[in-house]
Amino acid sequence: ALYWVFLAGTVLTPPVVCLIALNLDWVVANAGH
């Protein structure tokens, strides 16, 4: 199970970071929460 979790994390981390970069205004607005 941990193998699959870490493998999914490896694959999903770059697109999530791209989404964060494309939505920085929302991320910064919610950073205090």
Full PDB file with SEQRES, HELIX, SHEET, SSBOND, CRYST1, ORIGX, SCALE, CONECT and MASTER records, all heavy atoms in Angstrom:
SEQRES   1 A   33  ALA LEU TYR TRP VAL PHE LEU ALA GLY THR VAL LEU THR          
SEQRES   2 A   33  PRO PRO VAL VAL CYS LEU ILE ALA LEU ASN LEU ASP TRP          
SEQRES   3 A   33  VAL VAL ALA ASN ALA GLY HIS                                  
HELIX    1 AA1 LEU A    2  LEU A   22  1                                  21    
HELIX    2 AA2 LEU A   24  ALA A   29  1                                   6    
CRYST1    1.000    1.000    1.000  90.00  90.00  90.00 P 1           1          
ORIGX1      1.000000  0.000000  0.000000        0.00000                         
ORIGX2      0.000000  1.000000  0.000000        0.00000                         
ORIGX3      0.000000  0.000000  1.000000        0.00000                         
SCALE1      1.000000  0.000000  0.000000        0.00000                         
SCALE2      0.000000  1.000000  0.000000        0.00000                         
SCALE3      0.000000  0.000000  1.000000        0.00000                         
ATOM      1  N   ALA A   1       0.833  -1.209   0.000  1.00  0.00           N  
ATOM      2  CA  ALA A   1       0.000   0.000   0.000  1.00  0.00           C  
ATOM      3  C   ALA A   1       0.867   1.258   0.000  1.00  0.00           C  
ATOM      4  O   ALA A   1       0.606   2.210  -0.749  1.00  0.00           O  
ATOM      5  CB  ALA A   1      -0.929  -0.001   1.214  1.00  0.00           C  
ATOM      6  N   LEU A   2       1.917   1.259   0.812  1.00  0.00           N  
ATOM      7  CA  LEU A   2       2.812   2.422   0.850  1.00  0.00           C  
ATOM      8  C   LEU A   2       3.551   2.589  -0.470  1.00  0.00           C  
ATOM      9  O   LEU A   2       3.807   3.720  -0.903  1.00  0.00           O  
ATOM     10  CB  LEU A   2       3.790   2.307   2.014  1.00  0.00           C  
ATOM     11  CG  LEU A   2       3.164   2.543   3.385  1.00  0.00           C  
ATOM     12  CD1 LEU A   2       4.157   2.219   4.489  1.00  0.00           C  
ATOM     13  CD2 LEU A   2       2.643   3.960   3.503  1.00  0.00           C  
ATOM     14  N   TYR A   3       3.885   1.474  -1.127  1.00  0.00           N  
ATOM     15  CA  TYR A   3       4.489   1.551  -2.453  1.00  0.00           C  
ATOM     16  C   TYR A   3       3.596   2.375  -3.381  1.00  0.00           C  
ATOM     17  O   TYR A   3       4.042   3.286  -4.061  1.00  0.00           O  
ATOM     18  CB  TYR A   3       4.718   0.146  -3.017  1.00  0.00           C  
ATOM     19  CG  TYR A   3       5.003   0.140  -4.495  1.00  0.00           C  
ATOM     20  CD1 TYR A   3       6.270   0.445  -4.966  1.00  0.00           C  
ATOM     21  CD2 TYR A   3       3.994  -0.153  -5.414  1.00  0.00           C  
ATOM     22  CE1 TYR A   3       6.534   0.459  -6.330  1.00  0.00           C  
ATOM     23  CE2 TYR A   3       4.245  -0.152  -6.768  1.00  0.00           C  
ATOM     24  CZ  TYR A   3       5.519   0.160  -7.225  1.00  0.00           C  
ATOM     25  OH  TYR A   3       5.777   0.184  -8.578  1.00  0.00           O  
ATOM     26  N   TRP A   4       2.302   2.044  -3.401  1.00  0.00           N  
ATOM     27  CA  TRP A   4       1.365   2.739  -4.298  1.00  0.00           C  
ATOM     28  C   TRP A   4       1.147   4.187  -3.885  1.00  0.00           C  
ATOM     29  O   TRP A   4       1.023   5.076  -4.737  1.00  0.00           O  
ATOM     30  CB  TRP A   4       0.044   1.981  -4.387  1.00  0.00           C  
ATOM     31  CG  TRP A   4       0.203   0.727  -5.186  1.00  0.00           C  
ATOM     32  CD1 TRP A   4       0.198  -0.552  -4.720  1.00  0.00           C  
ATOM     33  CD2 TRP A   4       0.442   0.632  -6.603  1.00  0.00           C  
ATOM     34  NE1 TRP A   4       0.402  -1.438  -5.752  1.00  0.00           N  
ATOM     35  CE2 TRP A   4       0.556  -0.727  -6.922  1.00  0.00           C  
ATOM     36  CE3 TRP A   4       0.561   1.569  -7.625  1.00  0.00           C  
ATOM     37  CZ2 TRP A   4       0.784  -1.191  -8.211  1.00  0.00           C  
ATOM     38  CZ3 TRP A   4       0.786   1.120  -8.919  1.00  0.00           C  
ATOM     39  CH2 TRP A   4       0.894  -0.241  -9.194  1.00  0.00           C  
ATOM     40  N   VAL A   5       1.117   4.443  -2.590  1.00  0.00           N  
ATOM     41  CA  VAL A   5       0.953   5.820  -2.108  1.00  0.00           C  
ATOM     42  C   VAL A   5       2.136   6.678  -2.544  1.00  0.00           C  
ATOM     43  O   VAL A   5       1.957   7.783  -3.075  1.00  0.00           O  
ATOM     44  CB  VAL A   5       0.800   5.850  -0.569  1.00  0.00           C  
ATOM     45  CG1 VAL A   5       0.952   7.259  -0.012  1.00  0.00           C  
ATOM     46  CG2 VAL A   5      -0.542   5.253  -0.159  1.00  0.00           C  
ATOM     47  N   PHE A   6       3.350   6.167  -2.341  1.00  0.00           N  
ATOM     48  CA  PHE A   6       4.533   6.937  -2.705  1.00  0.00           C  
ATOM     49  C   PHE A   6       4.684   7.058  -4.218  1.00  0.00           C  
ATOM     50  O   PHE A   6       5.119   8.092  -4.725  1.00  0.00           O  
ATOM     51  CB  PHE A   6       5.798   6.341  -2.075  1.00  0.00           C  
ATOM     52  CG  PHE A   6       5.837   6.510  -0.577  1.00  0.00           C  
ATOM     53  CD1 PHE A   6       6.085   5.420   0.244  1.00  0.00           C  
ATOM     54  CD2 PHE A   6       5.628   7.740   0.024  1.00  0.00           C  
ATOM     55  CE1 PHE A   6       6.127   5.562   1.623  1.00  0.00           C  
ATOM     56  CE2 PHE A   6       5.664   7.900   1.398  1.00  0.00           C  
ATOM     57  CZ  PHE A   6       5.914   6.806   2.202  1.00  0.00           C  
ATOM     58  N   LEU A   7       4.305   6.021  -4.936  1.00  0.00           N  
ATOM     59  CA  LEU A   7       4.346   6.094  -6.399  1.00  0.00           C  
ATOM     60  C   LEU A   7       3.349   7.141  -6.904  1.00  0.00           C  
ATOM     61  O   LEU A   7       3.678   7.959  -7.773  1.00  0.00           O  
ATOM     62  CB  LEU A   7       4.048   4.726  -7.005  1.00  0.00           C  
ATOM     63  CG  LEU A   7       4.243   4.604  -8.513  1.00  0.00           C  
ATOM     64  CD1 LEU A   7       5.688   4.873  -8.893  1.00  0.00           C  
ATOM     65  CD2 LEU A   7       3.818   3.222  -8.984  1.00  0.00           C  
ATOM     66  N   ALA A   8       2.149   7.140  -6.334  1.00  0.00           N  
ATOM     67  CA  ALA A   8       1.150   8.154  -6.711  1.00  0.00           C  
ATOM     68  C   ALA A   8       1.646   9.553  -6.364  1.00  0.00           C  
ATOM     69  O   ALA A   8       1.476  10.498  -7.151  1.00  0.00           O  
ATOM     70  CB  ALA A   8      -0.172   7.870  -6.008  1.00  0.00           C  
ATOM     71  N   GLY A   9       2.288   9.691  -5.220  1.00  0.00           N  
ATOM     72  CA  GLY A   9       2.855  10.990  -4.834  1.00  0.00           C  
ATOM     73  C   GLY A   9       3.910  11.464  -5.813  1.00  0.00           C  
ATOM     74  O   GLY A   9       3.977  12.652  -6.157  1.00  0.00           O  
ATOM     75  N   THR A  10       4.724  10.537  -6.296  1.00  0.00           N  
ATOM     76  CA  THR A  10       5.760  10.871  -7.270  1.00  0.00           C  
ATOM     77  C   THR A  10       5.136  11.412  -8.552  1.00  0.00           C  
ATOM     78  O   THR A  10       5.603  12.395  -9.124  1.00  0.00           O  
ATOM     79  CB  THR A  10       6.608   9.622  -7.596  1.00  0.00           C  
ATOM     80  OG1 THR A  10       7.162   9.098  -6.397  1.00  0.00           O  
ATOM     81  CG2 THR A  10       7.729   9.964  -8.552  1.00  0.00           C  
ATOM     82  N   VAL A  11       4.063  10.768  -8.993  1.00  0.00           N  
ATOM     83  CA  VAL A  11       3.407  11.157 -10.247  1.00  0.00           C  
ATOM     84  C   VAL A  11       2.572  12.429 -10.076  1.00  0.00           C  
ATOM     85  O   VAL A  11       2.545  13.279 -10.968  1.00  0.00           O  
ATOM     86  CB  VAL A  11       2.530   9.992 -10.761  1.00  0.00           C  
ATOM     87  CG1 VAL A  11       1.688  10.412 -11.939  1.00  0.00           C  
ATOM     88  CG2 VAL A  11       3.404   8.787 -11.109  1.00  0.00           C  
ATOM     89  N   LEU A  12       1.910  12.588  -8.948  1.00  0.00           N  
ATOM     90  CA  LEU A  12       0.974  13.696  -8.758  1.00  0.00           C  
ATOM     91  C   LEU A  12       1.617  14.997  -8.282  1.00  0.00           C  
ATOM     92  O   LEU A  12       1.036  16.076  -8.483  1.00  0.00           O  
ATOM     93  CB  LEU A  12      -0.126  13.287  -7.770  1.00  0.00           C  
ATOM     94  CG  LEU A  12      -1.052  12.176  -8.250  1.00  0.00           C  
ATOM     95  CD1 LEU A  12      -2.029  11.782  -7.147  1.00  0.00           C  
ATOM     96  CD2 LEU A  12      -1.793  12.605  -9.503  1.00  0.00           C  
ATOM     97  N   THR A  13       2.786  14.926  -7.675  1.00  0.00           N  
ATOM     98  CA  THR A  13       3.405  16.139  -7.137  1.00  0.00           C  
ATOM     99  C   THR A  13       3.681  17.197  -8.202  1.00  0.00           C  
ATOM    100  O   THR A  13       3.308  18.361  -8.004  1.00  0.00           O  
ATOM    101  CB  THR A  13       4.684  15.784  -6.350  1.00  0.00           C  
ATOM    102  OG1 THR A  13       4.310  14.975  -5.226  1.00  0.00           O  
ATOM    103  CG2 THR A  13       5.409  17.017  -5.861  1.00  0.00           C  
ATOM    104  N   PRO A  14       4.299  16.874  -9.338  1.00  0.00           N  
ATOM    105  CA  PRO A  14       4.543  17.942 -10.328  1.00  0.00           C  
ATOM    106  C   PRO A  14       3.274  18.631 -10.842  1.00  0.00           C  
ATOM    107  O   PRO A  14       3.234  19.877 -10.878  1.00  0.00           O  
ATOM    108  CB  PRO A  14       5.301  17.224 -11.452  1.00  0.00           C  
ATOM    109  CG  PRO A  14       5.962  16.074 -10.772  1.00  0.00           C  
ATOM    110  CD  PRO A  14       4.984  15.633  -9.724  1.00  0.00           C  
ATOM    111  N   PRO A  15       2.207  17.887 -11.203  1.00  0.00           N  
ATOM    112  CA  PRO A  15       1.010  18.615 -11.642  1.00  0.00           C  
ATOM    113  C   PRO A  15       0.381  19.469 -10.542  1.00  0.00           C  
ATOM    114  O   PRO A  15      -0.149  20.541 -10.820  1.00  0.00           O  
ATOM    115  CB  PRO A  15       0.042  17.524 -12.096  1.00  0.00           C  
ATOM    116  CG  PRO A  15       0.734  16.243 -11.992  1.00  0.00           C  
ATOM    117  CD  PRO A  15       2.072  16.451 -11.403  1.00  0.00           C  
ATOM    118  N   VAL A  16       0.449  19.006  -9.298  1.00  0.00           N  
ATOM    119  CA  VAL A  16      -0.093  19.800  -8.189  1.00  0.00           C  
ATOM    120  C   VAL A  16       0.699  21.094  -8.036  1.00  0.00           C  
ATOM    121  O   VAL A  16       0.120  22.174  -7.846  1.00  0.00           O  
ATOM    122  CB  VAL A  16      -0.106  18.980  -6.877  1.00  0.00           C  
ATOM    123  CG1 VAL A  16      -0.365  19.870  -5.669  1.00  0.00           C  
ATOM    124  CG2 VAL A  16      -1.148  17.874  -6.953  1.00  0.00           C  
ATOM    125  N   VAL A  17       2.016  21.009  -8.147  1.00  0.00           N  
ATOM    126  CA  VAL A  17       2.843  22.216  -8.051  1.00  0.00           C  
ATOM    127  C   VAL A  17       2.528  23.165  -9.207  1.00  0.00           C  
ATOM    128  O   VAL A  17       2.463  24.383  -9.017  1.00  0.00           O  
ATOM    129  CB  VAL A  17       4.346  21.850  -7.996  1.00  0.00           C  
ATOM    130  CG1 VAL A  17       5.229  23.080  -8.146  1.00  0.00           C  
ATOM    131  CG2 VAL A  17       4.655  21.139  -6.681  1.00  0.00           C  
ATOM    132  N   CYS A  18       2.293  22.628 -10.393  1.00  0.00           N  
ATOM    133  CA  CYS A  18       1.897  23.475 -11.535  1.00  0.00           C  
ATOM    134  C   CYS A  18       0.561  24.162 -11.253  1.00  0.00           C  
ATOM    135  O   CYS A  18       0.403  25.358 -11.539  1.00  0.00           O  
ATOM    136  CB  CYS A  18       1.808  22.651 -12.816  1.00  0.00           C  
ATOM    137  SG  CYS A  18       3.409  22.154 -13.454  1.00  0.00           S  
ATOM    138  N   LEU A  19      -0.387  23.434 -10.678  1.00  0.00           N  
ATOM    139  CA  LEU A  19      -1.676  24.039 -10.321  1.00  0.00           C  
ATOM    140  C   LEU A  19      -1.503  25.146  -9.282  1.00  0.00           C  
ATOM    141  O   LEU A  19      -2.178  26.179  -9.341  1.00  0.00           O  
ATOM    142  CB  LEU A  19      -2.639  22.979  -9.794  1.00  0.00           C  
ATOM    143  CG  LEU A  19      -3.285  22.081 -10.833  1.00  0.00           C  
ATOM    144  CD1 LEU A  19      -4.076  20.966 -10.164  1.00  0.00           C  
ATOM    145  CD2 LEU A  19      -4.180  22.890 -11.759  1.00  0.00           C  
ATOM    146  N   ILE A  20      -0.611  24.918  -8.334  1.00  0.00           N  
ATOM    147  CA  ILE A  20      -0.332  25.939  -7.328  1.00  0.00           C  
ATOM    148  C   ILE A  20       0.224  27.187  -8.003  1.00  0.00           C  
ATOM    149  O   ILE A  20      -0.208  28.309  -7.723  1.00  0.00           O  
ATOM    150  CB  ILE A  20       0.641  25.398  -6.254  1.00  0.00           C  
ATOM    151  CG1 ILE A  20      -0.061  24.361  -5.390  1.00  0.00           C  
ATOM    152  CG2 ILE A  20       1.197  26.533  -5.396  1.00  0.00           C  
ATOM    153  CD1 ILE A  20       0.860  23.569  -4.488  1.00  0.00           C  
ATOM    154  N   ALA A  21       1.186  27.005  -8.910  1.00  0.00           N  
ATOM    155  CA  ALA A  21       1.793  28.153  -9.596  1.00  0.00           C  
ATOM    156  C   ALA A  21       0.772  28.899 -10.439  1.00  0.00           C  
ATOM    157  O   ALA A  21       0.825  30.129 -10.549  1.00  0.00           O  
ATOM    158  CB  ALA A  21       2.966  27.690 -10.461  1.00  0.00           C  
ATOM    159  N   LEU A  22      -0.174  28.190 -11.020  1.00  0.00           N  
ATOM    160  CA  LEU A  22      -1.198  28.838 -11.850  1.00  0.00           C  
ATOM    161  C   LEU A  22      -2.293  29.507 -11.019  1.00  0.00           C  
ATOM    162  O   LEU A  22      -3.066  30.303 -11.547  1.00  0.00           O  
ATOM    163  CB  LEU A  22      -1.821  27.811 -12.797  1.00  0.00           C  
ATOM    164  CG  LEU A  22      -0.892  27.271 -13.877  1.00  0.00           C  
ATOM    165  CD1 LEU A  22      -1.575  26.159 -14.665  1.00  0.00           C  
ATOM    166  CD2 LEU A  22      -0.428  28.387 -14.803  1.00  0.00           C  
ATOM    167  N   ASN A  23      -2.382  29.153  -9.738  1.00  0.00           N  
ATOM    168  CA  ASN A  23      -3.415  29.709  -8.852  1.00  0.00           C  
ATOM    169  C   ASN A  23      -2.805  30.365  -7.625  1.00  0.00           C  
ATOM    170  O   ASN A  23      -3.338  30.249  -6.516  1.00  0.00           O  
ATOM    171  CB  ASN A  23      -4.382  28.598  -8.432  1.00  0.00           C  
ATOM    172  CG  ASN A  23      -5.146  28.040  -9.599  1.00  0.00           C  
ATOM    173  OD1 ASN A  23      -6.010  28.721 -10.132  1.00  0.00           O  
ATOM    174  ND2 ASN A  23      -4.796  26.846 -10.023  1.00  0.00           N  
ATOM    175  N   LEU A  24      -1.686  31.056  -7.810  1.00  0.00           N  
ATOM    176  CA  LEU A  24      -0.979  31.650  -6.675  1.00  0.00           C  
ATOM    177  C   LEU A  24      -1.831  32.651  -5.907  1.00  0.00           C  
ATOM    178  O   LEU A  24      -1.714  32.746  -4.689  1.00  0.00           O  
ATOM    179  CB  LEU A  24       0.303  32.335  -7.158  1.00  0.00           C  
ATOM    180  CG  LEU A  24       1.487  31.414  -7.369  1.00  0.00           C  
ATOM    181  CD1 LEU A  24       2.639  32.171  -7.986  1.00  0.00           C  
ATOM    182  CD2 LEU A  24       1.915  30.786  -6.062  1.00  0.00           C  
ATOM    183  N   ASP A  25      -2.670  33.402  -6.607  1.00  0.00           N  
ATOM    184  CA  ASP A  25      -3.490  34.385  -5.898  1.00  0.00           C  
ATOM    185  C   ASP A  25      -4.408  33.694  -4.894  1.00  0.00           C  
ATOM    186  O   ASP A  25      -4.547  34.128  -3.749  1.00  0.00           O  
ATOM    187  CB  ASP A  25      -4.282  35.256  -6.868  1.00  0.00           C  
ATOM    188  CG  ASP A  25      -4.992  34.466  -7.956  1.00  0.00           C  
ATOM    189  OD1 ASP A  25      -4.782  33.238  -8.043  1.00  0.00           O  
ATOM    190  OD2 ASP A  25      -5.754  35.083  -8.714  1.00  0.00           O  
ATOM    191  N   TRP A  26      -5.031  32.579  -5.274  1.00  0.00           N  
ATOM    192  CA  TRP A  26      -5.888  31.833  -4.365  1.00  0.00           C  
ATOM    193  C   TRP A  26      -5.075  31.215  -3.229  1.00  0.00           C  
ATOM    194  O   TRP A  26      -5.479  31.256  -2.072  1.00  0.00           O  
ATOM    195  CB  TRP A  26      -6.640  30.739  -5.130  1.00  0.00           C  
ATOM    196  CG  TRP A  26      -7.556  29.956  -4.248  1.00  0.00           C  
ATOM    197  CD1 TRP A  26      -8.843  30.281  -3.916  1.00  0.00           C  
ATOM    198  CD2 TRP A  26      -7.256  28.743  -3.560  1.00  0.00           C  
ATOM    199  NE1 TRP A  26      -9.367  29.326  -3.070  1.00  0.00           N  
ATOM    200  CE2 TRP A  26      -8.400  28.373  -2.829  1.00  0.00           C  
ATOM    201  CE3 TRP A  26      -6.119  27.933  -3.487  1.00  0.00           C  
ATOM    202  CZ2 TRP A  26      -8.455  27.236  -2.038  1.00  0.00           C  
ATOM    203  CZ3 TRP A  26      -6.170  26.796  -2.692  1.00  0.00           C  
ATOM    204  CH2 TRP A  26      -7.324  26.455  -1.977  1.00  0.00           C  
ATOM    205  N   VAL A  27      -3.912  30.643  -3.554  1.00  0.00           N  
ATOM    206  CA  VAL A  27      -3.069  29.996  -2.543  1.00  0.00           C  
ATOM    207  C   VAL A  27      -2.624  31.012  -1.501  1.00  0.00           C  
ATOM    208  O   VAL A  27      -2.706  30.769  -0.302  1.00  0.00           O  
ATOM    209  CB  VAL A  27      -1.852  29.300  -3.203  1.00  0.00           C  
ATOM    210  CG1 VAL A  27      -0.871  28.822  -2.159  1.00  0.00           C  
ATOM    211  CG2 VAL A  27      -2.311  28.150  -4.070  1.00  0.00           C  
ATOM    212  N   VAL A  28      -2.172  32.184  -1.962  1.00  0.00           N  
ATOM    213  CA  VAL A  28      -1.713  33.218  -1.029  1.00  0.00           C  
ATOM    214  C   VAL A  28      -2.881  33.726  -0.190  1.00  0.00           C  
ATOM    215  O   VAL A  28      -2.742  33.937   1.016  1.00  0.00           O  
ATOM    216  CB  VAL A  28      -1.028  34.374  -1.796  1.00  0.00           C  
ATOM    217  CG1 VAL A  28      -0.755  35.546  -0.878  1.00  0.00           C  
ATOM    218  CG2 VAL A  28       0.266  33.876  -2.422  1.00  0.00           C  
ATOM    219  N   ALA A  29      -4.047  33.894  -0.788  1.00  0.00           N  
ATOM    220  CA  ALA A  29      -5.214  34.377  -0.050  1.00  0.00           C  
ATOM    221  C   ALA A  29      -5.634  33.395   1.043  1.00  0.00           C  
ATOM    222  O   ALA A  29      -6.168  33.807   2.073  1.00  0.00           O  
ATOM    223  CB  ALA A  29      -6.379  34.611  -1.017  1.00  0.00           C  
ATOM    224  N   ASN A  30      -5.373  32.111   0.854  1.00  0.00           N  
ATOM    225  CA  ASN A  30      -5.771  31.096   1.830  1.00  0.00           C  
ATOM    226  C   ASN A  30      -4.616  30.598   2.694  1.00  0.00           C  
ATOM    227  O   ASN A  30      -4.806  29.694   3.493  1.00  0.00           O  
ATOM    228  CB  ASN A  30      -6.423  29.915   1.101  1.00  0.00           C  
ATOM    229  CG  ASN A  30      -7.769  30.302   0.541  1.00  0.00           C  
ATOM    230  OD1 ASN A  30      -8.709  30.506   1.287  1.00  0.00           O  
ATOM    231  ND2 ASN A  30      -7.841  30.455  -0.765  1.00  0.00           N  
ATOM    232  N   ALA A  31      -3.427  31.189   2.538  1.00  0.00           N  
ATOM    233  CA  ALA A  31      -2.253  30.720   3.279  1.00  0.00           C  
ATOM    234  C   ALA A  31      -2.408  30.917   4.775  1.00  0.00           C  
ATOM    235  O   ALA A  31      -1.895  30.135   5.562  1.00  0.00           O  
ATOM    236  CB  ALA A  31      -0.993  31.426   2.782  1.00  0.00           C  
ATOM    237  N   GLY A  32      -3.126  31.922   5.192  1.00  0.00           N  
ATOM    238  CA  GLY A  32      -3.315  32.172   6.616  1.00  0.00           C  
ATOM    239  C   GLY A  32      -4.215  31.160   7.289  1.00  0.00           C  
ATOM    240  O   GLY A  32      -4.303  31.105   8.498  1.00  0.00           O  
ATOM    241  N   HIS A  33      -4.888  30.338   6.507  1.00  0.00           N  
ATOM    242  CA  HIS A  33      -5.812  29.342   7.056  1.00  0.00           C  
ATOM    243  C   HIS A  33      -5.157  27.970   7.156  1.00  0.00           C  
ATOM    244  O   HIS A  33      -5.840  26.956   7.134  1.00  0.00           O  
ATOM    245  CB  HIS A  33      -7.065  29.257   6.183  1.00  0.00           C  
ATOM    246  CG  HIS A  33      -7.753  30.574   6.016  1.00  0.00           C  
ATOM    247  ND1 HIS A  33      -8.395  31.212   7.047  1.00  0.00           N  
ATOM    248  CD2 HIS A  33      -7.852  31.392   4.938  1.00  0.00           C  
ATOM    249  CE1 HIS A  33      -8.881  32.356   6.614  1.00  0.00           C  
ATOM    250  NE2 HIS A  33      -8.570  32.490   5.341  1.00  0.00           N  
TER     251      HIS A  33                                                      
MASTER        0    0    0    2    0    0    0    6  250    1    0    3          
END                                                                             
